[in-house]
């Protein structure tokens, strides 16, 4: 896939430092090429045993975006030019010996790749986890057995936010060699 980032000036650390939850978007449509690059970032994510248990639903149609209001009732959410929905199929995902399902981890890694790629491309996102999964599945016709893990609007930000704040220091979170 061609690299459209020339002149953007962001690297992964800049994207991490400046990624913020955007809740106001310009009416400007997002170019399909950029949306494709965002999805490609998710497709390239690592997963346990390389099982890639994810599926993504990209919603750009206004009526279909408004149908997601049943899952997350917010004007700013359904008013964004695009909504990306990250789903996981537990039946194809790796499970740890204690039964822990890794599809949630795998889909989260893919979602974060996409959120950071969007930021690098000058787009805003807002990771949504507090939604009605059943309503989302109904609106999107997600098959039985597949889970909806997260959603994010995608668009050109119509608000300015500074760098991420209020993070613990490294000394508070890093343990070397042992706890």
Protein backbone atom coordinates (compact mmCIF):
# COMPACT_ATOMS: atom_id res chain seq x y z
CA UNK A 1 0.00 0.00 0.00
CA UNK A 2 1.45 3.41 -0.92
CA UNK A 3 2.64 5.59 1.92
CA UNK A 4 0.47 8.72 2.14
CA UNK A 5 2.19 10.11 5.22
CA UNK A 6 4.83 12.26 3.55
CA UNK A 7 4.76 15.69 5.11
CA UNK A 8 2.60 14.63 8.05
CA UNK A 9 5.58 14.96 10.42
CA UNK A 10 4.34 12.41 12.97
CA UNK A 11 6.09 9.28 14.09
CA UNK A 12 4.66 6.60 16.35
CA UNK A 13 5.82 8.35 19.53
CA UNK A 14 4.28 11.65 18.39
CA UNK A 15 1.04 9.83 17.62
CA UNK A 16 1.04 8.19 21.06
CA UNK A 17 1.82 11.47 22.85
CA UNK A 18 -0.79 13.51 20.99
CA UNK A 19 -3.62 11.02 20.53
CA UNK A 20 -6.65 12.33 22.39
CA UNK A 21 -10.32 11.40 22.53
CA UNK A 22 -11.98 13.61 19.95
CA UNK A 23 -15.68 14.30 20.31
CA UNK A 24 -16.15 17.02 17.69
CA UNK A 25 -15.59 16.31 14.01
CA UNK A 26 -15.67 18.46 10.89
CA UNK A 27 -18.36 17.63 8.35
CA UNK A 28 -15.57 16.86 5.87
CA UNK A 29 -15.63 13.29 4.55
CA UNK A 30 -12.57 11.13 5.17
CA UNK A 31 -10.87 9.98 1.99
CA UNK A 32 -11.34 6.26 1.30
CA UNK A 33 -7.58 5.90 0.90
CA UNK A 34 -7.05 7.07 4.49
CA UNK A 35 -9.77 4.78 5.80
CA UNK A 36 -8.13 1.90 3.94
CA UNK A 37 -4.79 2.74 5.58
CA UNK A 38 -6.41 2.75 9.02
CA UNK A 39 -7.94 -0.68 8.42
CA UNK A 40 -4.61 -1.93 7.04
CA UNK A 41 -2.98 -0.96 10.34
CA UNK A 42 -5.47 -3.20 12.11
CA UNK A 43 -4.97 -6.04 9.66
CA UNK A 44 -1.22 -5.96 10.30
CA UNK A 45 -1.56 -6.19 14.09
CA UNK A 46 0.01 -9.12 15.91
CA UNK A 47 -2.23 -11.72 17.52
CA UNK A 48 -1.75 -14.78 19.72
CA UNK A 49 -0.58 -17.69 17.54
CA UNK A 50 -1.26 -15.40 14.55
CA UNK A 51 -4.93 -16.47 14.56
CA UNK A 52 -6.17 -12.94 13.75
CA UNK A 53 -9.64 -13.36 15.29
CA UNK A 54 -10.81 -9.89 14.27
CA UNK A 55 -13.35 -8.46 11.89
CA UNK A 56 -13.94 -4.77 11.33
CA UNK A 57 -17.11 -2.98 10.23
CA UNK A 58 -16.53 0.41 8.63
CA UNK A 59 -19.69 2.52 8.62
CA UNK A 60 -19.76 5.63 6.44
CA UNK A 61 -23.41 5.74 5.36
CA UNK A 62 -25.29 8.39 7.35
CA UNK A 63 -28.37 6.26 7.91
CA UNK A 64 -26.30 3.30 9.06
CA UNK A 65 -24.28 5.53 11.41
CA UNK A 66 -27.54 6.82 12.91
CA UNK A 67 -28.67 3.20 13.39
CA UNK A 68 -25.77 2.84 15.82
CA UNK A 69 -27.49 5.38 18.08
CA UNK A 70 -29.32 2.37 19.57
CA UNK A 71 -25.93 1.11 20.78
CA UNK A 72 -24.40 4.43 21.83
CA UNK A 73 -26.81 7.36 21.98
CA UNK A 74 -24.65 10.37 21.23
CA UNK A 75 -24.97 13.01 18.52
CA UNK A 76 -21.21 13.55 18.26
CA UNK A 77 -20.65 9.79 17.81
CA UNK A 78 -23.18 9.17 15.05
CA UNK A 79 -22.39 12.56 13.47
CA UNK A 80 -18.78 11.64 12.70
CA UNK A 81 -18.10 10.94 9.01
CA UNK A 82 -17.11 7.32 9.74
CA UNK A 83 -17.43 4.80 12.55
CA UNK A 84 -15.11 1.82 12.84
CA UNK A 85 -16.36 -1.18 14.81
CA UNK A 86 -13.89 -3.82 16.01
CA UNK A 87 -15.26 -7.34 16.45
CA UNK A 88 -13.73 -10.60 17.57
CA UNK A 89 -14.52 -14.23 16.88
CA UNK A 90 -13.78 -16.19 20.07
CA UNK A 91 -14.16 -19.50 18.21
CA UNK A 92 -10.94 -18.92 16.26
CA UNK A 93 -8.92 -17.19 18.98
CA UNK A 94 -6.22 -18.69 21.17
CA UNK A 95 -7.03 -19.53 24.78
CA UNK A 96 -4.54 -19.69 27.57
CA UNK A 97 -4.35 -22.97 29.54
CA UNK A 98 -6.40 -21.38 32.33
CA UNK A 99 -9.17 -20.60 29.82
CA UNK A 100 -8.44 -16.89 29.44
CA UNK A 101 -9.71 -15.85 26.01
CA UNK A 102 -7.19 -13.80 24.04
CA UNK A 103 -9.56 -12.51 21.36
CA UNK A 104 -10.13 -9.43 23.52
CA UNK A 105 -6.40 -8.73 23.66
CA UNK A 106 -5.91 -9.41 19.95
CA UNK A 107 -8.79 -7.15 18.88
CA UNK A 108 -7.61 -4.43 21.28
CA UNK A 109 -4.13 -4.50 19.76
CA UNK A 110 -5.62 -4.16 16.27
CA UNK A 111 -7.89 -1.33 17.44
CA UNK A 112 -4.98 0.57 18.98
CA UNK A 113 -2.99 0.16 15.76
CA UNK A 114 -5.91 1.70 13.88
CA UNK A 115 -6.38 4.55 16.37
CA UNK A 116 -2.69 5.46 16.15
CA UNK A 117 -2.67 5.18 12.36
CA UNK A 118 -5.68 7.49 12.22
CA UNK A 119 -3.85 10.00 14.40
CA UNK A 120 -0.80 9.85 12.18
CA UNK A 121 -3.03 10.56 9.17
CA UNK A 122 -4.46 13.68 10.84
CA UNK A 123 -7.72 12.02 11.88
CA UNK A 124 -9.39 11.98 15.27
CA UNK A 125 -10.89 9.02 17.11
CA UNK A 126 -12.49 8.22 20.45
CA UNK A 127 -12.33 4.63 21.69
CA UNK A 128 -15.84 3.63 22.82
CA UNK A 129 -16.24 0.61 25.06
CA UNK A 130 -19.38 1.56 27.02
CA UNK A 131 -22.08 0.64 24.52
CA UNK A 132 -24.95 -1.82 24.15
CA UNK A 133 -23.34 -4.76 22.36
CA UNK A 134 -26.65 -6.41 21.48
CA UNK A 135 -27.92 -3.21 19.84
CA UNK A 136 -24.63 -2.80 17.94
CA UNK A 137 -24.80 -6.40 16.70
CA UNK A 138 -28.39 -5.90 15.57
CA UNK A 139 -27.65 -2.60 13.77
CA UNK A 140 -24.60 -4.06 12.02
CA UNK A 141 -25.99 -7.59 11.42
CA UNK A 142 -23.02 -9.14 13.21
CA UNK A 143 -23.32 -12.95 13.14
CA UNK A 144 -24.01 -14.99 16.26
CA UNK A 145 -20.82 -16.02 18.01
CA UNK A 146 -18.94 -12.87 16.96
CA UNK A 147 -18.50 -10.21 19.66
CA UNK A 148 -18.36 -6.44 19.31
CA UNK A 149 -15.49 -5.20 21.47
CA UNK A 150 -15.01 -1.52 20.64
CA UNK A 151 -16.10 1.28 18.35
CA UNK A 152 -14.56 4.57 17.34
CA UNK A 153 -15.77 7.49 15.29
CA UNK A 154 -13.22 8.65 12.72
CA UNK A 155 -13.00 12.09 11.20
CA UNK A 156 -11.11 15.33 10.95
CA UNK A 157 -11.01 16.88 14.44
CA UNK A 158 -13.01 20.04 15.00
CA UNK A 159 -11.35 20.68 18.37
CA UNK A 160 -7.82 21.18 19.60
CA UNK A 161 -6.44 19.20 22.51
CA UNK A 162 -2.94 19.19 23.94
CA UNK A 163 -0.76 16.26 24.86
CA UNK A 164 -2.00 13.50 27.15
CA UNK A 165 -1.85 14.56 30.80
CA UNK A 166 -2.18 13.00 34.22
CA UNK A 167 -0.16 9.87 33.62
CA UNK A 168 1.70 8.09 36.38
CA UNK A 169 5.46 8.41 36.36
CA UNK A 170 7.65 5.56 35.14
CA UNK A 171 8.84 5.08 38.73
CA UNK A 172 5.25 4.41 39.81
CA UNK A 173 4.60 1.70 37.22
CA UNK A 174 7.91 0.05 36.30
CA UNK A 175 9.32 -2.82 38.34
CA UNK A 176 12.75 -4.10 37.33
CA UNK A 177 13.59 -7.78 37.60
CA UNK A 178 10.91 -8.42 40.28
CA UNK A 179 7.96 -6.52 41.69
